[in-house]
Amino acid sequence: MVDWAEWQAGYAGAALLMPESFIRRAAEAYFADRKEHPPVAKDSADASTLAQRISLAFDVSAKAATVRLRVLKRQAEIETLVVRGRKRRLCAVLGFQAITQLRTIYGHDPKKN
């Protein structure tokens, strides 16, 4: 059984040490001159090399970098699920700790400006 508080601390620590915007830029730079582009197979040479580069850049373990990359990939999968699921009447409930998180990701509601 996973300790919820420990999981939250690990997630928050990873997000603090390896911000999503920096991870995405590092991945874009890595794949800029390559034939293969994200997403890559989790056990591929590209995935391992990218995790190593992020590990060195952010001064974290390779395991922590690998986990952070996988977590960010899952966030993209949630967005795909919601977008594609609409035509199949999928109902999704997403939680945010603050409205600023929603605005950071998707911007302000143009109807209220």
PDB file of N, CA and C in Angstrom:
ATOM      1  N   MET A   1       0.840  -1.182   0.000  1.00  0.00           N
ATOM      2  CA  MET A   1       0.000   0.000   0.000  1.00  0.00           C
ATOM      3  C   MET A   1       0.886   1.246   0.000  1.00  0.00           C
ATOM      4  N   VAL A   2       0.515   2.229  -0.810  1.00  0.00           N
ATOM      5  CA  VAL A   2       1.291   3.455  -0.936  1.00  0.00           C
ATOM      6  C   VAL A   2       0.842   4.456   0.114  1.00  0.00           C
ATOM      7  N   ASP A   3       1.818   5.034   0.804  1.00  0.00           N
ATOM      8  CA  ASP A   3       1.531   6.082   1.774  1.00  0.00           C
ATOM      9  C   ASP A   3       1.214   7.362   1.002  1.00  0.00           C
ATOM     10  N   TRP A   4      -0.007   7.858   1.122  1.00  0.00           N
ATOM     11  CA  TRP A   4      -0.480   9.002   0.352  1.00  0.00           C
ATOM     12  C   TRP A   4       0.374  10.242   0.590  1.00  0.00           C
ATOM     13  N   ALA A   5       0.726  10.519   1.829  1.00  0.00           N
ATOM     14  CA  ALA A   5       1.529  11.704   2.139  1.00  0.00           C
ATOM     15  C   ALA A   5       2.922  11.588   1.518  1.00  0.00           C
ATOM     16  N   GLU A   6       3.489  10.387   1.544  1.00  0.00           N
ATOM     17  CA  GLU A   6       4.806  10.193   0.941  1.00  0.00           C
ATOM     18  C   GLU A   6       4.734  10.366  -0.572  1.00  0.00           C
ATOM     19  N   TRP A   7       3.667   9.864  -1.185  1.00  0.00           N
ATOM     20  CA  TRP A   7       3.498  10.012  -2.632  1.00  0.00           C
ATOM     21  C   TRP A   7       3.386  11.495  -2.996  1.00  0.00           C
ATOM     22  N   GLN A   8       2.585  12.243  -2.256  1.00  0.00           N
ATOM     23  CA  GLN A   8       2.422  13.669  -2.526  1.00  0.00           C
ATOM     24  C   GLN A   8       3.741  14.419  -2.363  1.00  0.00           C
ATOM     25  N   ALA A   9       4.501  14.079  -1.324  1.00  0.00           N
ATOM     26  CA  ALA A   9       5.793  14.732  -1.102  1.00  0.00           C
ATOM     27  C   ALA A   9       6.750  14.425  -2.253  1.00  0.00           C
ATOM     28  N   GLY A  10       6.748  13.188  -2.729  1.00  0.00           N
ATOM     29  CA  GLY A  10       7.603  12.813  -3.852  1.00  0.00           C
ATOM     30  C   GLY A  10       7.213  13.536  -5.130  1.00  0.00           C
ATOM     31  N   TYR A  11       5.912  13.626  -5.380  1.00  0.00           N
ATOM     32  CA  TYR A  11       5.422  14.318  -6.577  1.00  0.00           C
ATOM     33  C   TYR A  11       5.767  15.803  -6.516  1.00  0.00           C
ATOM     34  N   ALA A  12       5.511  16.414  -5.360  1.00  0.00           N
ATOM     35  CA  ALA A  12       5.791  17.846  -5.207  1.00  0.00           C
ATOM     36  C   ALA A  12       7.289  18.121  -5.301  1.00  0.00           C
ATOM     37  N   GLY A  13       8.092  17.253  -4.702  1.00  0.00           N
ATOM     38  CA  GLY A  13       9.537  17.426  -4.772  1.00  0.00           C
ATOM     39  C   GLY A  13      10.052  17.345  -6.198  1.00  0.00           C
ATOM     40  N   ALA A  14       9.542  16.372  -6.944  1.00  0.00           N
ATOM     41  CA  ALA A  14       9.961  16.216  -8.347  1.00  0.00           C
ATOM     42  C   ALA A  14       9.530  17.420  -9.173  1.00  0.00           C
ATOM     43  N   ALA A  15       8.315  17.908  -8.937  1.00  0.00           N
ATOM     44  CA  ALA A  15       7.825  19.070  -9.687  1.00  0.00           C
ATOM     45  C   ALA A  15       8.638  20.317  -9.346  1.00  0.00           C
ATOM     46  N   LEU A  16       9.078  20.428  -8.109  1.00  0.00           N
ATOM     47  CA  LEU A  16       9.878  21.574  -7.698  1.00  0.00           C
ATOM     48  C   LEU A  16      11.289  21.502  -8.286  1.00  0.00           C
ATOM     49  N   LEU A  17      11.895  20.322  -8.240  1.00  0.00           N
ATOM     50  CA  LEU A  17      13.257  20.156  -8.740  1.00  0.00           C
ATOM     51  C   LEU A  17      13.338  20.123 -10.260  1.00  0.00           C
ATOM     52  N   MET A  18      12.274  19.586 -10.896  1.00  0.00           N
ATOM     53  CA  MET A  18      12.274  19.418 -12.353  1.00  0.00           C
ATOM     54  C   MET A  18      10.976  19.986 -12.924  1.00  0.00           C
ATOM     55  N   PRO A  19      10.862  21.309 -13.043  1.00  0.00           N
ATOM     56  CA  PRO A  19       9.623  21.920 -13.543  1.00  0.00           C
ATOM     57  C   PRO A  19       9.280  21.431 -14.952  1.00  0.00           C
ATOM     58  N   GLU A  20       7.997  21.263 -15.193  1.00  0.00           N
ATOM     59  CA  GLU A  20       7.521  20.722 -16.466  1.00  0.00           C
ATOM     60  C   GLU A  20       8.038  21.508 -17.663  1.00  0.00           C
ATOM     61  N   SER A  21       8.019  22.832 -17.584  1.00  0.00           N
ATOM     62  CA  SER A  21       8.440  23.633 -18.737  1.00  0.00           C
ATOM     63  C   SER A  21       9.908  23.380 -19.085  1.00  0.00           C
ATOM     64  N   PHE A  22      10.753  23.203 -18.088  1.00  0.00           N
ATOM     65  CA  PHE A  22      12.167  22.932 -18.341  1.00  0.00           C
ATOM     66  C   PHE A  22      12.373  21.519 -18.894  1.00  0.00           C
ATOM     67  N   ILE A  23      11.608  20.577 -18.371  1.00  0.00           N
ATOM     68  CA  ILE A  23      11.691  19.194 -18.864  1.00  0.00           C
ATOM     69  C   ILE A  23      11.283  19.150 -20.332  1.00  0.00           C
ATOM     70  N   ARG A  24      10.203  19.836 -20.664  1.00  0.00           N
ATOM     71  CA  ARG A  24       9.732  19.842 -22.054  1.00  0.00           C
ATOM     72  C   ARG A  24      10.773  20.477 -22.987  1.00  0.00           C
ATOM     73  N   ARG A  25      11.387  21.570 -22.547  1.00  0.00           N
ATOM     74  CA  ARG A  25      12.430  22.210 -23.365  1.00  0.00           C
ATOM     75  C   ARG A  25      13.633  21.290 -23.547  1.00  0.00           C
ATOM     76  N   ALA A  26      14.014  20.598 -22.482  1.00  0.00           N
ATOM     77  CA  ALA A  26      15.146  19.664 -22.568  1.00  0.00           C
ATOM     78  C   ALA A  26      14.825  18.522 -23.531  1.00  0.00           C
ATOM     79  N   ALA A  27      13.604  18.028 -23.484  1.00  0.00           N
ATOM     80  CA  ALA A  27      13.199  16.950 -24.398  1.00  0.00           C
ATOM     81  C   ALA A  27      13.159  17.451 -25.838  1.00  0.00           C
ATOM     82  N   GLU A  28      12.633  18.651 -26.058  1.00  0.00           N
ATOM     83  CA  GLU A  28      12.586  19.218 -27.410  1.00  0.00           C
ATOM     84  C   GLU A  28      13.995  19.390 -27.969  1.00  0.00           C
ATOM     85  N   ALA A  29      14.913  19.860 -27.137  1.00  0.00           N
ATOM     86  CA  ALA A  29      16.302  20.039 -27.579  1.00  0.00           C
ATOM     87  C   ALA A  29      16.941  18.693 -27.904  1.00  0.00           C
ATOM     88  N   TYR A  30      16.656  17.684 -27.093  1.00  0.00           N
ATOM     89  CA  TYR A  30      17.229  16.361 -27.320  1.00  0.00           C
ATOM     90  C   TYR A  30      16.732  15.766 -28.641  1.00  0.00           C
ATOM     91  N   PHE A  31      15.445  15.928 -28.924  1.00  0.00           N
ATOM     92  CA  PHE A  31      14.861  15.313 -30.117  1.00  0.00           C
ATOM     93  C   PHE A  31      14.937  16.195 -31.364  1.00  0.00           C
ATOM     94  N   ALA A  32      15.497  17.378 -31.256  1.00  0.00           N
ATOM     95  CA  ALA A  32      15.525  18.312 -32.381  1.00  0.00           C
ATOM     96  C   ALA A  32      16.199  17.738 -33.619  1.00  0.00           C
ATOM     97  N   ASP A  33      17.299  17.032 -33.452  1.00  0.00           N
ATOM     98  CA  ASP A  33      18.049  16.498 -34.589  1.00  0.00           C
ATOM     99  C   ASP A  33      17.890  14.991 -34.761  1.00  0.00           C
ATOM    100  N   ARG A  34      16.879  14.421 -34.179  1.00  0.00           N
ATOM    101  CA  ARG A  34      16.685  12.968 -34.230  1.00  0.00           C
ATOM    102  C   ARG A  34      15.519  12.608 -35.137  1.00  0.00           C
ATOM    103  N   LYS A  35      15.570  11.383 -35.649  1.00  0.00           N
ATOM    104  CA  LYS A  35      14.467  10.885 -36.480  1.00  0.00           C
ATOM    105  C   LYS A  35      13.262  10.547 -35.612  1.00  0.00           C
ATOM    106  N   GLU A  36      13.515   9.989 -34.443  1.00  0.00           N
ATOM    107  CA  GLU A  36      12.433   9.594 -33.540  1.00  0.00           C
ATOM    108  C   GLU A  36      12.032  10.787 -32.686  1.00  0.00           C
ATOM    109  N   HIS A  37      10.745  10.911 -32.445  1.00  0.00           N
ATOM    110  CA  HIS A  37      10.228  11.997 -31.617  1.00  0.00           C
ATOM    111  C   HIS A  37       9.343  11.426 -30.528  1.00  0.00           C
ATOM    112  N   PRO A  38       9.132  12.190 -29.459  1.00  0.00           N
ATOM    113  CA  PRO A  38       8.300  11.689 -28.359  1.00  0.00           C
ATOM    114  C   PRO A  38       6.888  11.382 -28.833  1.00  0.00           C
ATOM    115  N   PRO A  39       6.210  10.477 -28.209  1.00  0.00           N
ATOM    116  CA  PRO A  39       6.695   9.657 -27.103  1.00  0.00           C
ATOM    117  C   PRO A  39       7.545   8.493 -27.606  1.00  0.00           C
ATOM    118  N   VAL A  40       8.504   8.102 -26.802  1.00  0.00           N
ATOM    119  CA  VAL A  40       9.365   6.970 -27.138  1.00  0.00           C
ATOM    120  C   VAL A  40       9.055   5.823 -26.180  1.00  0.00           C
ATOM    121  N   ALA A  41       9.423   4.634 -26.567  1.00  0.00           N
ATOM    122  CA  ALA A  41       9.219   3.471 -25.701  1.00  0.00           C
ATOM    123  C   ALA A  41       9.993   3.669 -24.403  1.00  0.00           C
ATOM    124  N   LYS A  42       9.380   3.301 -23.294  1.00  0.00           N
ATOM    125  CA  LYS A  42       9.986   3.609 -21.997  1.00  0.00           C
ATOM    126  C   LYS A  42      11.330   2.923 -21.764  1.00  0.00           C
ATOM    127  N   ASP A  43      11.591   1.815 -22.417  1.00  0.00           N
ATOM    128  CA  ASP A  43      12.863   1.115 -22.238  1.00  0.00           C
ATOM    129  C   ASP A  43      13.813   1.313 -23.409  1.00  0.00           C
ATOM    130  N   SER A  44      13.552   2.297 -24.248  1.00  0.00           N
ATOM    131  CA  SER A  44      14.392   2.530 -25.420  1.00  0.00           C
ATOM    132  C   SER A  44      15.676   3.253 -25.042  1.00  0.00           C
ATOM    133  N   ALA A  45      16.636   3.237 -25.958  1.00  0.00           N
ATOM    134  CA  ALA A  45      17.906   3.940 -25.739  1.00  0.00           C
ATOM    135  C   ALA A  45      17.668   5.447 -25.622  1.00  0.00           C
ATOM    136  N   ASP A  46      16.746   5.986 -26.436  1.00  0.00           N
ATOM    137  CA  ASP A  46      16.454   7.424 -26.366  1.00  0.00           C
ATOM    138  C   ASP A  46      15.869   7.806 -25.005  1.00  0.00           C
ATOM    139  N   ALA A  47      14.978   6.979 -24.479  1.00  0.00           N
ATOM    140  CA  ALA A  47      14.380   7.264 -23.170  1.00  0.00           C
ATOM    141  C   ALA A  47      15.448   7.254 -22.081  1.00  0.00           C
ATOM    142  N   SER A  48      16.349   6.291 -22.153  1.00  0.00           N
ATOM    143  CA  SER A  48      17.424   6.184 -21.162  1.00  0.00           C
ATOM    144  C   SER A  48      18.386   7.377 -21.258  1.00  0.00           C
ATOM    145  N   THR A  49      18.762   7.736 -22.475  1.00  0.00           N
ATOM    146  CA  THR A  49      19.680   8.855 -22.675  1.00  0.00           C
ATOM    147  C   THR A  49      19.047  10.174 -22.226  1.00  0.00           C
ATOM    148  N   LEU A  50      17.781  10.373 -22.559  1.00  0.00           N
ATOM    149  CA  LEU A  50      17.090  11.591 -22.140  1.00  0.00           C
ATOM    150  C   LEU A  50      17.015  11.669 -20.617  1.00  0.00           C
ATOM    151  N   ALA A  51      16.700  10.557 -19.960  1.00  0.00           N
ATOM    152  CA  ALA A  51      16.649  10.535 -18.495  1.00  0.00           C
ATOM    153  C   ALA A  51      18.019  10.860 -17.900  1.00  0.00           C
ATOM    154  N   GLN A  52      19.071  10.338 -18.499  1.00  0.00           N
ATOM    155  CA  GLN A  52      20.423  10.630 -18.016  1.00  0.00           C
ATOM    156  C   GLN A  52      20.743  12.118 -18.165  1.00  0.00           C
ATOM    157  N   ARG A  53      20.386  12.701 -19.299  1.00  0.00           N
ATOM    158  CA  ARG A  53      20.652  14.138 -19.520  1.00  0.00           C
ATOM    159  C   ARG A  53      19.881  14.996 -18.530  1.00  0.00           C
ATOM    160  N   ILE A  54      18.632  14.646 -18.289  1.00  0.00           N
ATOM    161  CA  ILE A  54      17.823  15.408 -17.332  1.00  0.00           C
ATOM    162  C   ILE A  54      18.387  15.218 -15.928  1.00  0.00           C
ATOM    163  N   SER A  55      18.825  14.016 -15.632  1.00  0.00           N
ATOM    164  CA  SER A  55      19.450  13.728 -14.346  1.00  0.00           C
ATOM    165  C   SER A  55      20.647  14.646 -14.101  1.00  0.00           C
ATOM    166  N   LEU A  56      21.494  14.785 -15.102  1.00  0.00           N
ATOM    167  CA  LEU A  56      22.671  15.649 -14.977  1.00  0.00           C
ATOM    168  C   LEU A  56      22.293  17.125 -14.926  1.00  0.00           C
ATOM    169  N   ALA A  57      21.346  17.525 -15.748  1.00  0.00           N
ATOM    170  CA  ALA A  57      20.949  18.933 -15.824  1.00  0.00           C
ATOM    171  C   ALA A  57      20.301  19.426 -14.526  1.00  0.00           C
ATOM    172  N   PHE A  58      19.514  18.568 -13.886  1.00  0.00           N
ATOM    173  CA  PHE A  58      18.769  18.976 -12.697  1.00  0.00           C
ATOM    174  C   PHE A  58      19.370  18.439 -11.399  1.00  0.00           C
ATOM    175  N   ASP A  59      20.499  17.729 -11.511  1.00  0.00           N
ATOM    176  CA  ASP A  59      21.192  17.176 -10.352  1.00  0.00           C
ATOM    177  C   ASP A  59      20.272  16.281  -9.516  1.00  0.00           C
ATOM    178  N   VAL A  60      19.608  15.361 -10.208  1.00  0.00           N
ATOM    179  CA  VAL A  60      18.752  14.373  -9.557  1.00  0.00           C
ATOM    180  C   VAL A  60      19.196  12.992 -10.043  1.00  0.00           C
ATOM    181  N   SER A  61      18.664  11.957  -9.421  1.00  0.00           N
ATOM    182  CA  SER A  61      19.011  10.600  -9.851  1.00  0.00           C
ATOM    183  C   SER A  61      18.365  10.290 -11.199  1.00  0.00           C
ATOM    184  N   ALA A  62      18.950   9.347 -11.910  1.00  0.00           N
ATOM    185  CA  ALA A  62      18.372   8.914 -13.195  1.00  0.00           C
ATOM    186  C   ALA A  62      16.984   8.336 -12.971  1.00  0.00           C
ATOM    187  N   LYS A  63      16.792   7.642 -11.861  1.00  0.00           N
ATOM    188  CA  LYS A  63      15.478   7.068 -11.537  1.00  0.00           C
ATOM    189  C   LYS A  63      14.444   8.177 -11.349  1.00  0.00           C
ATOM    190  N   ALA A  64      14.815   9.237 -10.626  1.00  0.00           N
ATOM    191  CA  ALA A  64      13.887  10.361 -10.418  1.00  0.00           C
ATOM    192  C   ALA A  64      13.547  11.028 -11.747  1.00  0.00           C
ATOM    193  N   ALA A  65      14.531  11.191 -12.616  1.00  0.00           N
ATOM    194  CA  ALA A  65      14.281  11.792 -13.935  1.00  0.00           C
ATOM    195  C   ALA A  65      13.362  10.899 -14.762  1.00  0.00           C
ATOM    196  N   THR A  66      13.582   9.593 -14.713  1.00  0.00           N
ATOM    197  CA  THR A  66      12.740   8.644 -15.455  1.00  0.00           C
ATOM    198  C   THR A  66      11.303   8.711 -14.967  1.00  0.00           C
ATOM    199  N   VAL A  67      11.117   8.735 -13.658  1.00  0.00           N
ATOM    200  CA  VAL A  67       9.762   8.808 -13.088  1.00  0.00           C
ATOM    201  C   VAL A  67       9.095  10.117 -13.491  1.00  0.00           C
ATOM    202  N   ARG A  68       9.828  11.220 -13.427  1.00  0.00           N
ATOM    203  CA  ARG A  68       9.238  12.530 -13.793  1.00  0.00           C
ATOM    204  C   ARG A  68       8.815  12.545 -15.259  1.00  0.00           C
ATOM    205  N   LEU A  69       9.630  11.981 -16.135  1.00  0.00           N
ATOM    206  CA  LEU A  69       9.268  11.913 -17.555  1.00  0.00           C
ATOM    207  C   LEU A  69       7.999  11.085 -17.748  1.00  0.00           C
ATOM    208  N   ARG A  70       7.889   9.987 -17.032  1.00  0.00           N
ATOM    209  CA  ARG A  70       6.688   9.142 -17.147  1.00  0.00           C
ATOM    210  C   ARG A  70       5.449   9.847 -16.620  1.00  0.00           C
ATOM    211  N   VAL A  71       5.599  10.572 -15.510  1.00  0.00           N
ATOM    212  CA  VAL A  71       4.459  11.310 -14.945  1.00  0.00           C
ATOM    213  C   VAL A  71       3.985  12.365 -15.934  1.00  0.00           C
ATOM    214  N   LEU A  72       4.910  13.099 -16.538  1.00  0.00           N
ATOM    215  CA  LEU A  72       4.526  14.135 -17.501  1.00  0.00           C
ATOM    216  C   LEU A  72       3.884  13.518 -18.734  1.00  0.00           C
ATOM    217  N   LYS A  73       4.330  12.356 -19.149  1.00  0.00           N
ATOM    218  CA  LYS A  73       3.704  11.653 -20.289  1.00  0.00           C
ATOM    219  C   LYS A  73       2.268  11.299 -19.946  1.00  0.00           C
ATOM    220  N   ARG A  74       2.040  10.843 -18.719  1.00  0.00           N
ATOM    221  CA  ARG A  74       0.678  10.477 -18.313  1.00  0.00           C
ATOM    222  C   ARG A  74      -0.241  11.685 -18.324  1.00  0.00           C
ATOM    223  N   GLN A  75       0.281  12.857 -17.972  1.00  0.00           N
ATOM    224  CA  GLN A  75      -0.552  14.059 -18.018  1.00  0.00           C
ATOM    225  C   GLN A  75      -1.002  14.328 -19.443  1.00  0.00           C
ATOM    226  N   ALA A  76      -0.131  14.115 -20.407  1.00  0.00           N
ATOM    227  CA  ALA A  76      -0.507  14.296 -21.809  1.00  0.00           C
ATOM    228  C   ALA A  76      -1.563  13.270 -22.208  1.00  0.00           C
ATOM    229  N   GLU A  77      -1.471  12.048 -21.672  1.00  0.00           N
ATOM    230  CA  GLU A  77      -2.459  11.024 -21.980  1.00  0.00           C
ATOM    231  C   GLU A  77      -3.838  11.397 -21.439  1.00  0.00           C
ATOM    232  N   ILE A  78      -3.888  12.042 -20.286  1.00  0.00           N
ATOM    233  CA  ILE A  78      -5.167  12.475 -19.724  1.00  0.00           C
ATOM    234  C   ILE A  78      -5.820  13.487 -20.651  1.00  0.00           C
ATOM    235  N   GLU A  79      -5.033  14.429 -21.160  1.00  0.00           N
ATOM    236  CA  GLU A  79      -5.576  15.429 -22.089  1.00  0.00           C
ATOM    237  C   GLU A  79      -6.124  14.756 -23.342  1.00  0.00           C
ATOM    238  N   THR A  80      -5.393  13.790 -23.879  1.00  0.00           N
ATOM    239  CA  THR A  80      -5.849  13.051 -25.060  1.00  0.00           C
ATOM    240  C   THR A  80      -7.136  12.301 -24.758  1.00  0.00           C
ATOM    241  N   LEU A  81      -7.199  11.676 -23.598  1.00  0.00           N
ATOM    242  CA  LEU A  81      -8.396  10.932 -23.201  1.00  0.00           C
ATOM    243  C   LEU A  81      -9.627  11.847 -23.161  1.00  0.00           C
ATOM    244  N   VAL A  82      -9.468  13.010 -22.576  1.00  0.00           N
ATOM    245  CA  VAL A  82     -10.602  13.939 -22.470  1.00  0.00           C
ATOM    246  C   VAL A  82     -11.027  14.424 -23.848  1.00  0.00           C
ATOM    247  N   VAL A  83     -10.063  14.797 -24.686  1.00  0.00           N
ATOM    248  CA  VAL A  83     -10.384  15.324 -26.013  1.00  0.00           C
ATOM    249  C   VAL A  83     -11.055  14.253 -26.874  1.00  0.00           C
ATOM    250  N   ARG A  84     -10.484  13.062 -26.924  1.00  0.00           N
ATOM    251  CA  ARG A  84     -11.040  11.998 -27.759  1.00  0.00           C
ATOM    252  C   ARG A  84     -12.300  11.378 -27.164  1.00  0.00           C
ATOM    253  N   GLY A  85     -12.404  11.412 -25.850  1.00  0.00           N
ATOM    254  CA  GLY A  85     -13.538  10.789 -25.188  1.00  0.00           C
ATOM    255  C   GLY A  85     -14.840  11.556 -25.304  1.00  0.00           C
ATOM    256  N   ARG A  86     -14.768  12.821 -25.680  1.00  0.00           N
ATOM    257  CA  ARG A  86     -15.995  13.634 -25.777  1.00  0.00           C
ATOM    258  C   ARG A  86     -17.004  13.034 -26.746  1.00  0.00           C
ATOM    259  N   LYS A  87     -16.529  12.545 -27.884  1.00  0.00           N
ATOM    260  CA  LYS A  87     -17.483  12.020 -28.857  1.00  0.00           C
ATOM    261  C   LYS A  87     -18.079  10.694 -28.416  1.00  0.00           C
ATOM    262  N   ARG A  88     -17.482  10.069 -27.403  1.00  0.00           N
ATOM    263  CA  ARG A  88     -18.035   8.828 -26.861  1.00  0.00           C
ATOM    264  C   ARG A  88     -18.742   9.079 -25.524  1.00  0.00           C
ATOM    265  N   ARG A  89     -19.020  10.346 -25.264  1.00  0.00           N
ATOM    266  CA  ARG A  89     -19.726  10.786 -24.060  1.00  0.00           C
ATOM    267  C   ARG A  89     -18.977  10.450 -22.769  1.00  0.00           C
ATOM    268  N   LEU A  90     -17.670  10.544 -22.825  1.00  0.00           N
ATOM    269  CA  LEU A  90     -16.854  10.318 -21.648  1.00  0.00           C
ATOM    270  C   LEU A  90     -17.045  11.488 -20.693  1.00  0.00           C
ATOM    271  N   CYS A  91     -17.203  11.187 -19.447  1.00  0.00           N
ATOM    272  CA  CYS A  91     -17.296  12.219 -18.427  1.00  0.00           C
ATOM    273  C   CYS A  91     -16.030  12.125 -17.584  1.00  0.00           C
ATOM    274  N   ALA A  92     -15.279  13.194 -17.490  1.00  0.00           N
ATOM    275  CA  ALA A  92     -14.037  13.202 -16.716  1.00  0.00           C
ATOM    276  C   ALA A  92     -14.119  14.266 -15.639  1.00  0.00           C
ATOM    277  N   VAL A  93     -13.647  13.937 -14.479  1.00  0.00           N
ATOM    278  CA  VAL A  93     -13.588  14.888 -13.381  1.00  0.00           C
ATOM    279  C   VAL A  93     -12.125  15.097 -13.055  1.00  0.00           C
ATOM    280  N   LEU A  94     -11.668  16.325 -13.196  1.00  0.00           N
ATOM    281  CA  LEU A  94     -10.280  16.665 -12.919  1.00  0.00           C
ATOM    282  C   LEU A  94     -10.225  17.587 -11.716  1.00  0.00           C
ATOM    283  N   GLY A  95      -9.243  17.382 -10.870  1.00  0.00           N
ATOM    284  CA  GLY A  95      -9.120  18.203  -9.676  1.00  0.00           C
ATOM    285  C   GLY A  95      -7.896  19.096  -9.731  1.00  0.00           C
ATOM    286  N   PHE A  96      -8.036  20.296  -9.223  1.00  0.00           N
ATOM    287  CA  PHE A  96      -6.934  21.239  -9.139  1.00  0.00           C
ATOM    288  C   PHE A  96      -6.918  21.794  -7.732  1.00  0.00           C
ATOM    289  N   GLN A  97      -5.728  22.066  -7.227  1.00  0.00           N
ATOM    290  CA  GLN A  97      -5.636  22.635  -5.888  1.00  0.00           C
ATOM    291  C   GLN A  97      -5.925  24.127  -5.902  1.00  0.00           C
ATOM    292  N   ALA A  98      -5.731  24.761  -7.057  1.00  0.00           N
ATOM    293  CA  ALA A  98      -5.969  26.198  -7.154  1.00  0.00           C
ATOM    294  C   ALA A  98      -6.329  26.544  -8.597  1.00  0.00           C
ATOM    295  N   ILE A  99      -7.146  27.551  -8.769  1.00  0.00           N
ATOM    296  CA  ILE A  99      -7.545  27.994 -10.099  1.00  0.00           C
ATOM    297  C   ILE A  99      -6.330  28.452 -10.903  1.00  0.00           C
ATOM    298  N   THR A 100      -5.273  28.898 -10.215  1.00  0.00           N
ATOM    299  CA  THR A 100      -4.072  29.343 -10.932  1.00  0.00           C
ATOM    300  C   THR A 100      -3.434  28.199 -11.714  1.00  0.00           C
ATOM    301  N   GLN A 101      -3.541  26.945 -11.212  1.00  0.00           N
ATOM    302  CA  GLN A 101      -3.017  25.802 -11.961  1.00  0.00           C
ATOM    303  C   GLN A 101      -3.740  25.664 -13.294  1.00  0.00           C
ATOM    304  N   LEU A 102      -5.042  25.781 -13.262  1.00  0.00           N
ATOM    305  CA  LEU A 102      -5.850  25.670 -14.475  1.00  0.00           C
ATOM    306  C   LEU A 102      -5.508  26.791 -15.455  1.00  0.00           C
ATOM    307  N   ARG A 103      -5.381  28.002 -14.939  1.00  0.00           N
ATOM    308  CA  ARG A 103      -5.054  29.136 -15.806  1.00  0.00           C
ATOM    309  C   ARG A 103      -3.637  29.042 -16.363  1.00  0.00           C
ATOM    310  N   THR A 104      -2.719  28.496 -15.586  1.00  0.00           N
ATOM    311  CA  THR A 104      -1.349  28.329 -16.057  1.00  0.00           C
ATOM    312  C   THR A 104      -1.302  27.365 -17.234  1.00  0.00           C
ATOM    313  N   ILE A 105      -2.063  26.297 -17.146  1.00  0.00           N
ATOM    314  CA  ILE A 105      -2.056  25.275 -18.190  1.00  0.00           C
ATOM    315  C   ILE A 105      -2.847  25.716 -19.410  1.00  0.00           C
ATOM    316  N   TYR A 106      -4.050  26.253 -19.207  1.00  0.00           N
ATOM    317  CA  TYR A 106      -4.963  26.521 -20.317  1.00  0.00           C
ATOM    318  C   TYR A 106      -5.211  27.997 -20.605  1.00  0.00           C
ATOM    319  N   GLY A 107      -4.695  28.898 -19.780  1.00  0.00           N
ATOM    320  CA  GLY A 107      -4.919  30.318 -20.014  1.00  0.00           C
ATOM    321  C   GLY A 107      -6.221  30.786 -19.387  1.00  0.00           C
ATOM    322  N   HIS A 108      -6.472  32.074 -19.487  1.00  0.00           N
ATOM    323  CA  HIS A 108      -7.684  32.669 -18.912  1.00  0.00           C
ATOM    324  C   HIS A 108      -8.876  32.436 -19.833  1.00  0.00           C
ATOM    325  N   ASP A 109     -10.049  32.438 -19.246  1.00  0.00           N
ATOM    326  CA  ASP A 109     -11.290  32.290 -20.015  1.00  0.00           C
ATOM    327  C   ASP A 109     -11.531  33.575 -20.806  1.00  0.00           C
ATOM    328  N   PRO A 110     -11.500  33.505 -22.150  1.00  0.00           N
ATOM    329  CA  PRO A 110     -11.647  34.730 -22.943  1.00  0.00           C
ATOM    330  C   PRO A 110     -13.032  35.367 -22.799  1.00  0.00           C
ATOM    331  N   LYS A 111     -14.034  34.604 -22.398  1.00  0.00           N
ATOM    332  CA  LYS A 111     -15.381  35.157 -22.258  1.00  0.00           C
ATOM    333  C   LYS A 111     -15.492  36.100 -21.062  1.00  0.00           C
ATOM    334  N   LYS A 112     -14.597  35.954 -20.102  1.00  0.00           N
ATOM    335  CA  LYS A 112     -14.684  36.778 -18.903  1.00  0.00           C
ATOM    336  C   LYS A 112     -13.755  37.975 -18.935  1.00  0.00           C
ATOM    337  N   ASN A 113     -13.036  38.180 -20.010  1.00  0.00           N
ATOM    338  CA  ASN A 113     -12.105  39.326 -20.108  1.00  0.00           C
ATOM    339  C   ASN A 113     -12.823  40.572 -20.491  1.00  0.00           C
TER     340      ASN A 113
END
